[in-house]
């Protein structure tokens, strides 16, 4: 069981569970997320499924009911 000093220390300073967070090392050659997401959305990365989805989105945007003006 904990002593009175340990209990008082825990009440005054709090209890810390787990270690300190480690810093992540960034790779300077890594492509930023925004650029990667854009390439996936437009199908530029070569995936057939992404190209198909991009084509469908383009057709939806070109519908007369979706055009502004």
PDB file of N, CA and C in Angstrom:
ATOM      1  N   UNK A   1       0.842  -1.180   0.000  1.00  0.00           N
ATOM      2  CA  UNK A   1       0.000   0.000   0.000  1.00  0.00           C
ATOM      3  C   UNK A   1       0.887   1.244   0.000  1.00  0.00           C
ATOM      4  N   UNK A   2       0.362   2.339  -0.514  1.00  0.00           N
ATOM      5  CA  UNK A   2       1.125   3.585  -0.631  1.00  0.00           C
ATOM      6  C   UNK A   2       1.215   4.287   0.716  1.00  0.00           C
ATOM      7  N   UNK A   3       2.336   4.949   0.916  1.00  0.00           N
ATOM      8  CA  UNK A   3       2.524   5.708   2.157  1.00  0.00           C
ATOM      9  C   UNK A   3       1.798   7.040   2.052  1.00  0.00           C
ATOM     10  N   UNK A   4       1.698   7.717   3.185  1.00  0.00           N
ATOM     11  CA  UNK A   4       1.032   9.026   3.199  1.00  0.00           C
ATOM     12  C   UNK A   4       1.769  10.034   2.323  1.00  0.00           C
ATOM     13  N   UNK A   5       3.107   9.951   2.324  1.00  0.00           N
ATOM     14  CA  UNK A   5       3.887  10.879   1.490  1.00  0.00           C
ATOM     15  C   UNK A   5       3.612  10.640   0.013  1.00  0.00           C
ATOM     16  N   UNK A   6       3.524   9.386  -0.412  1.00  0.00           N
ATOM     17  CA  UNK A   6       3.242   9.072  -1.811  1.00  0.00           C
ATOM     18  C   UNK A   6       1.857   9.544  -2.218  1.00  0.00           C
ATOM     19  N   UNK A   7       0.904   9.373  -1.338  1.00  0.00           N
ATOM     20  CA  UNK A   7      -0.476   9.809  -1.623  1.00  0.00           C
ATOM     21  C   UNK A   7      -0.532  11.325  -1.736  1.00  0.00           C
ATOM     22  N   UNK A   8       0.136  12.020  -0.825  1.00  0.00           N
ATOM     23  CA  UNK A   8       0.146  13.482  -0.852  1.00  0.00           C
ATOM     24  C   UNK A   8       0.833  13.978  -2.128  1.00  0.00           C
ATOM     25  N   UNK A   9       1.951  13.350  -2.510  1.00  0.00           N
ATOM     26  CA  UNK A   9       2.664  13.726  -3.737  1.00  0.00           C
ATOM     27  C   UNK A   9       1.766  13.541  -4.960  1.00  0.00           C
ATOM     28  N   UNK A  10       1.034  12.423  -4.996  1.00  0.00           N
ATOM     29  CA  UNK A  10       0.140  12.155  -6.126  1.00  0.00           C
ATOM     30  C   UNK A  10      -0.992  13.180  -6.184  1.00  0.00           C
ATOM     31  N   UNK A  11      -1.497  13.581  -5.026  1.00  0.00           N
ATOM     32  CA  UNK A  11      -2.584  14.561  -5.016  1.00  0.00           C
ATOM     33  C   UNK A  11      -2.093  15.943  -5.443  1.00  0.00           C
ATOM     34  N   UNK A  12      -0.881  16.298  -5.071  1.00  0.00           N
ATOM     35  CA  UNK A  12      -0.366  17.627  -5.376  1.00  0.00           C
ATOM     36  C   UNK A  12       0.181  17.710  -6.808  1.00  0.00           C
ATOM     37  N   UNK A  13       0.818  16.643  -7.283  1.00  0.00           N
ATOM     38  CA  UNK A  13       1.491  16.694  -8.583  1.00  0.00           C
ATOM     39  C   UNK A  13       0.791  15.891  -9.671  1.00  0.00           C
ATOM     40  N   UNK A  14      -0.148  15.082  -9.318  1.00  0.00           N
ATOM     41  CA  UNK A  14      -0.848  14.276 -10.297  1.00  0.00           C
ATOM     42  C   UNK A  14      -0.110  12.986 -10.605  1.00  0.00           C
ATOM     43  N   UNK A  15      -0.748  12.126 -11.362  1.00  0.00           N
ATOM     44  CA  UNK A  15      -0.178  10.839 -11.730  1.00  0.00           C
ATOM     45  C   UNK A  15       0.008  10.833 -13.237  1.00  0.00           C
ATOM     46  N   UNK A  16       1.178  10.416 -13.689  1.00  0.00           N
ATOM     47  CA  UNK A  16       1.477  10.366 -15.111  1.00  0.00           C
ATOM     48  C   UNK A  16       1.522   8.917 -15.556  1.00  0.00           C
ATOM     49  N   UNK A  17       0.691   8.555 -16.509  1.00  0.00           N
ATOM     50  CA  UNK A  17       0.668   7.198 -17.050  1.00  0.00           C
ATOM     51  C   UNK A  17       1.348   7.222 -18.410  1.00  0.00           C
ATOM     52  N   UNK A  18       2.288   6.344 -18.624  1.00  0.00           N
ATOM     53  CA  UNK A  18       2.966   6.247 -19.916  1.00  0.00           C
ATOM     54  C   UNK A  18       4.152   7.183 -20.008  1.00  0.00           C
ATOM     55  N   UNK A  19       4.956   6.967 -21.021  1.00  0.00           N
ATOM     56  CA  UNK A  19       6.164   7.758 -21.213  1.00  0.00           C
ATOM     57  C   UNK A  19       5.898   9.014 -22.006  1.00  0.00           C
ATOM     58  N   UNK A  20       6.955   9.768 -22.213  1.00  0.00           N
ATOM     59  CA  UNK A  20       6.867  11.003 -22.982  1.00  0.00           C
ATOM     60  C   UNK A  20       6.712  10.669 -24.465  1.00  0.00           C
ATOM     61  N   UNK A  21       6.066  11.545 -25.199  1.00  0.00           N
ATOM     62  CA  UNK A  21       5.872  11.324 -26.622  1.00  0.00           C
ATOM     63  C   UNK A  21       7.193  11.529 -27.349  1.00  0.00           C
ATOM     64  N   UNK A  22       7.441  10.674 -28.324  1.00  0.00           N
ATOM     65  CA  UNK A  22       8.663  10.763 -29.112  1.00  0.00           C
ATOM     66  C   UNK A  22       8.437  11.698 -30.294  1.00  0.00           C
ATOM     67  N   UNK A  23       9.481  12.439 -30.651  1.00  0.00           N
ATOM     68  CA  UNK A  23       9.379  13.333 -31.798  1.00  0.00           C
ATOM     69  C   UNK A  23       9.525  12.533 -33.081  1.00  0.00           C
ATOM     70  N   UNK A  24       8.727  12.868 -34.072  1.00  0.00           N
ATOM     71  CA  UNK A  24       8.792  12.189 -35.356  1.00  0.00           C
ATOM     72  C   UNK A  24       9.807  12.895 -36.241  1.00  0.00           C
ATOM     73  N   UNK A  25      10.586  12.121 -36.956  1.00  0.00           N
ATOM     74  CA  UNK A  25      11.532  12.696 -37.897  1.00  0.00           C
ATOM     75  C   UNK A  25      10.848  12.807 -39.259  1.00  0.00           C
ATOM     76  N   UNK A  26      10.851  14.009 -39.805  1.00  0.00           N
ATOM     77  CA  UNK A  26      10.214  14.247 -41.089  1.00  0.00           C
ATOM     78  C   UNK A  26      11.193  13.942 -42.219  1.00  0.00           C
ATOM     79  N   UNK A  27      10.715  13.256 -43.228  1.00  0.00           N
ATOM     80  CA  UNK A  27      11.526  12.968 -44.405  1.00  0.00           C
ATOM     81  C   UNK A  27      11.402  14.163 -45.359  1.00  0.00           C
ATOM     82  N   UNK A  28      12.503  14.832 -45.699  1.00  0.00           N
ATOM     83  CA  UNK A  28      12.395  16.016 -46.563  1.00  0.00           C
ATOM     84  C   UNK A  28      11.944  15.691 -47.989  1.00  0.00           C
ATOM     85  N   UNK A  29      12.071  14.430 -48.412  1.00  0.00           N
ATOM     86  CA  UNK A  29      11.677  14.054 -49.770  1.00  0.00           C
ATOM     87  C   UNK A  29      10.233  13.579 -49.852  1.00  0.00           C
ATOM     88  N   UNK A  30       9.545  13.565 -48.733  1.00  0.00           N
ATOM     89  CA  UNK A  30       8.179  13.046 -48.691  1.00  0.00           C
ATOM     90  C   UNK A  30       7.206  14.027 -49.357  1.00  0.00           C
ATOM     91  N   UNK A  31       6.265  13.485 -50.107  1.00  0.00           N
ATOM     92  CA  UNK A  31       5.256  14.305 -50.779  1.00  0.00           C
ATOM     93  C   UNK A  31       4.214  14.722 -49.754  1.00  0.00           C
ATOM     94  N   UNK A  32       3.803  15.955 -49.803  1.00  0.00           N
ATOM     95  CA  UNK A  32       2.811  16.452 -48.860  1.00  0.00           C
ATOM     96  C   UNK A  32       1.462  15.780 -49.103  1.00  0.00           C
ATOM     97  N   UNK A  33       0.677  15.655 -48.048  1.00  0.00           N
ATOM     98  CA  UNK A  33      -0.589  14.934 -48.112  1.00  0.00           C
ATOM     99  C   UNK A  33      -1.556  15.559 -49.104  1.00  0.00           C
ATOM    100  N   UNK A  34      -1.613  16.886 -49.145  1.00  0.00           N
ATOM    101  CA  UNK A  34      -2.562  17.551 -50.019  1.00  0.00           C
ATOM    102  C   UNK A  34      -2.311  17.186 -51.477  1.00  0.00           C
ATOM    103  N   UNK A  35      -1.044  17.135 -51.864  1.00  0.00           N
ATOM    104  CA  UNK A  35      -0.711  16.792 -53.242  1.00  0.00           C
ATOM    105  C   UNK A  35      -1.088  15.346 -53.544  1.00  0.00           C
ATOM    106  N   UNK A  36      -0.829  14.449 -52.594  1.00  0.00           N
ATOM    107  CA  UNK A  36      -1.165  13.047 -52.822  1.00  0.00           C
ATOM    108  C   UNK A  36      -2.675  12.862 -52.933  1.00  0.00           C
ATOM    109  N   UNK A  37      -3.414  13.532 -52.076  1.00  0.00           N
ATOM    110  CA  UNK A  37      -4.873  13.388 -52.107  1.00  0.00           C
ATOM    111  C   UNK A  37      -5.410  13.882 -53.445  1.00  0.00           C
ATOM    112  N   UNK A  38      -4.882  14.996 -53.949  1.00  0.00           N
ATOM    113  CA  UNK A  38      -5.347  15.518 -55.240  1.00  0.00           C
ATOM    114  C   UNK A  38      -5.085  14.517 -56.349  1.00  0.00           C
ATOM    115  N   UNK A  39      -3.897  13.884 -56.341  1.00  0.00           N
ATOM    116  CA  UNK A  39      -3.597  12.926 -57.401  1.00  0.00           C
ATOM    117  C   UNK A  39      -4.517  11.719 -57.319  1.00  0.00           C
ATOM    118  N   UNK A  40      -4.864  11.300 -56.102  1.00  0.00           N
ATOM    119  CA  UNK A  40      -5.791  10.172 -55.980  1.00  0.00           C
ATOM    120  C   UNK A  40      -7.184  10.555 -56.467  1.00  0.00           C
ATOM    121  N   UNK A  41      -7.624  11.762 -56.132  1.00  0.00           N
ATOM    122  CA  UNK A  41      -8.963  12.179 -56.544  1.00  0.00           C
ATOM    123  C   UNK A  41      -9.081  12.315 -58.054  1.00  0.00           C
ATOM    124  N   UNK A  42      -8.011  12.756 -58.710  1.00  0.00           N
ATOM    125  CA  UNK A  42      -8.072  12.950 -60.153  1.00  0.00           C
ATOM    126  C   UNK A  42      -7.697  11.698 -60.922  1.00  0.00           C
ATOM    127  N   UNK A  43      -7.229  10.667 -60.217  1.00  0.00           N
ATOM    128  CA  UNK A  43      -6.857   9.426 -60.879  1.00  0.00           C
ATOM    129  C   UNK A  43      -5.493   9.478 -61.520  1.00  0.00           C
ATOM    130  N   UNK A  44      -4.670  10.460 -61.146  1.00  0.00           N
ATOM    131  CA  UNK A  44      -3.366  10.646 -61.776  1.00  0.00           C
ATOM    132  C   UNK A  44      -2.341   9.606 -61.351  1.00  0.00           C
ATOM    133  N   UNK A  45      -2.601   8.878 -60.274  1.00  0.00           N
ATOM    134  CA  UNK A  45      -1.599   7.934 -59.778  1.00  0.00           C
ATOM    135  C   UNK A  45      -1.682   6.574 -60.461  1.00  0.00           C
ATOM    136  N   UNK A  46      -2.626   6.389 -61.386  1.00  0.00           N
ATOM    137  CA  UNK A  46      -2.663   5.175 -62.198  1.00  0.00           C
ATOM    138  C   UNK A  46      -3.664   4.122 -61.768  1.00  0.00           C
ATOM    139  N   UNK A  47      -4.379   4.330 -60.675  1.00  0.00           N
ATOM    140  CA  UNK A  47      -5.355   3.350 -60.228  1.00  0.00           C
ATOM    141  C   UNK A  47      -6.589   3.402 -61.121  1.00  0.00           C
ATOM    142  N   UNK A  48      -7.020   2.258 -61.588  1.00  0.00           N
ATOM    143  CA  UNK A  48      -8.201   2.203 -62.445  1.00  0.00           C
ATOM    144  C   UNK A  48      -9.453   2.658 -61.726  1.00  0.00           C
ATOM    145  N   UNK A  49      -9.574   2.286 -60.449  1.00  0.00           N
ATOM    146  CA  UNK A  49     -10.753   2.673 -59.677  1.00  0.00           C
ATOM    147  C   UNK A  49     -10.806   4.189 -59.500  1.00  0.00           C
ATOM    148  N   UNK A  50      -9.657   4.812 -59.232  1.00  0.00           N
ATOM    149  CA  UNK A  50      -9.625   6.267 -59.045  1.00  0.00           C
ATOM    150  C   UNK A  50      -9.945   6.984 -60.351  1.00  0.00           C
ATOM    151  N   UNK A  51      -9.438   6.467 -61.458  1.00  0.00           N
ATOM    152  CA  UNK A  51      -9.744   7.080 -62.757  1.00  0.00           C
ATOM    153  C   UNK A  51     -11.234   6.990 -63.051  1.00  0.00           C
ATOM    154  N   UNK A  52     -11.829   5.854 -62.718  1.00  0.00           N
ATOM    155  CA  UNK A  52     -13.262   5.664 -62.943  1.00  0.00           C
ATOM    156  C   UNK A  52     -14.071   6.635 -62.083  1.00  0.00           C
ATOM    157  N   UNK A  53     -13.694   6.766 -60.801  1.00  0.00           N
ATOM    158  CA  UNK A  53     -14.405   7.685 -59.917  1.00  0.00           C
ATOM    159  C   UNK A  53     -14.242   9.126 -60.385  1.00  0.00           C
ATOM    160  N   UNK A  54     -13.030   9.485 -60.855  1.00  0.00           N
ATOM    161  CA  UNK A  54     -12.789  10.842 -61.341  1.00  0.00           C
ATOM    162  C   UNK A  54     -13.645  11.121 -62.573  1.00  0.00           C
ATOM    163  N   UNK A  55     -13.777  10.127 -63.433  1.00  0.00           N
ATOM    164  CA  UNK A  55     -14.601  10.294 -64.629  1.00  0.00           C
ATOM    165  C   UNK A  55     -16.067  10.500 -64.244  1.00  0.00           C
ATOM    166  N   UNK A  56     -16.556   9.739 -63.291  1.00  0.00           N
ATOM    167  CA  UNK A  56     -17.944   9.879 -62.835  1.00  0.00           C
ATOM    168  C   UNK A  56     -18.160  11.266 -62.245  1.00  0.00           C
ATOM    169  N   UNK A  57     -17.218  11.742 -61.404  1.00  0.00           N
ATOM    170  CA  UNK A  57     -17.358  13.069 -60.811  1.00  0.00           C
ATOM    171  C   UNK A  57     -17.373  14.156 -61.877  1.00  0.00           C
ATOM    172  N   UNK A  58     -16.553  13.979 -62.902  1.00  0.00           N
ATOM    173  CA  UNK A  58     -16.506  14.960 -63.988  1.00  0.00           C
ATOM    174  C   UNK A  58     -17.832  14.999 -64.733  1.00  0.00           C
ATOM    175  N   UNK A  59     -18.433  13.824 -64.968  1.00  0.00           N
ATOM    176  CA  UNK A  59     -19.728  13.774 -65.665  1.00  0.00           C
ATOM    177  C   UNK A  59     -20.821  14.419 -64.827  1.00  0.00           C
ATOM    178  N   UNK A  60     -20.783  14.197 -63.513  1.00  0.00           N
ATOM    179  CA  UNK A  60     -21.792  14.796 -62.631  1.00  0.00           C
ATOM    180  C   UNK A  60     -21.667  16.312 -62.651  1.00  0.00           C
ATOM    181  N   UNK A  61     -20.426  16.821 -62.612  1.00  0.00           N
ATOM    182  CA  UNK A  61     -20.223  18.264 -62.624  1.00  0.00           C
ATOM    183  C   UNK A  61     -20.665  18.907 -63.933  1.00  0.00           C
ATOM    184  N   UNK A  62     -20.599  18.161 -65.031  1.00  0.00           N
ATOM    185  CA  UNK A  62     -20.962  18.712 -66.334  1.00  0.00           C
ATOM    186  C   UNK A  62     -22.448  18.599 -66.649  1.00  0.00           C
ATOM    187  N   UNK A  63     -23.217  18.018 -65.767  1.00  0.00           N
ATOM    188  CA  UNK A  63     -24.665  17.941 -66.000  1.00  0.00           C
ATOM    189  C   UNK A  63     -25.263  19.336 -65.982  1.00  0.00           C
ATOM    190  N   UNK A  64     -26.267  19.581 -66.807  1.00  0.00           N
ATOM    191  CA  UNK A  64     -26.895  20.905 -66.816  1.00  0.00           C
ATOM    192  C   UNK A  64     -27.475  21.288 -65.461  1.00  0.00           C
ATOM    193  N   UNK A  65     -27.968  20.316 -64.705  1.00  0.00           N
ATOM    194  CA  UNK A  65     -28.565  20.638 -63.404  1.00  0.00           C
ATOM    195  C   UNK A  65     -27.502  21.027 -62.374  1.00  0.00           C
ATOM    196  N   UNK A  66     -26.249  20.690 -62.612  1.00  0.00           N
ATOM    197  CA  UNK A  66     -25.186  20.986 -61.662  1.00  0.00           C
ATOM    198  C   UNK A  66     -24.408  22.272 -62.023  1.00  0.00           C
ATOM    199  N   UNK A  67     -24.635  22.790 -63.196  1.00  0.00           N
ATOM    200  CA  UNK A  67     -23.899  23.987 -63.629  1.00  0.00           C
ATOM    201  C   UNK A  67     -24.483  25.224 -62.975  1.00  0.00           C
ATOM    202  N   UNK A  68     -23.606  26.163 -62.644  1.00  0.00           N
ATOM    203  CA  UNK A  68     -24.056  27.443 -62.104  1.00  0.00           C
ATOM    204  C   UNK A  68     -24.191  28.428 -63.243  1.00  0.00           C
ATOM    205  N   UNK A  69     -25.143  29.272 -63.136  1.00  0.00           N
ATOM    206  CA  UNK A  69     -25.231  30.313 -64.134  1.00  0.00           C
ATOM    207  C   UNK A  69     -26.505  30.380 -64.769  1.00  0.00           C
TER     208      UNK A  69
END
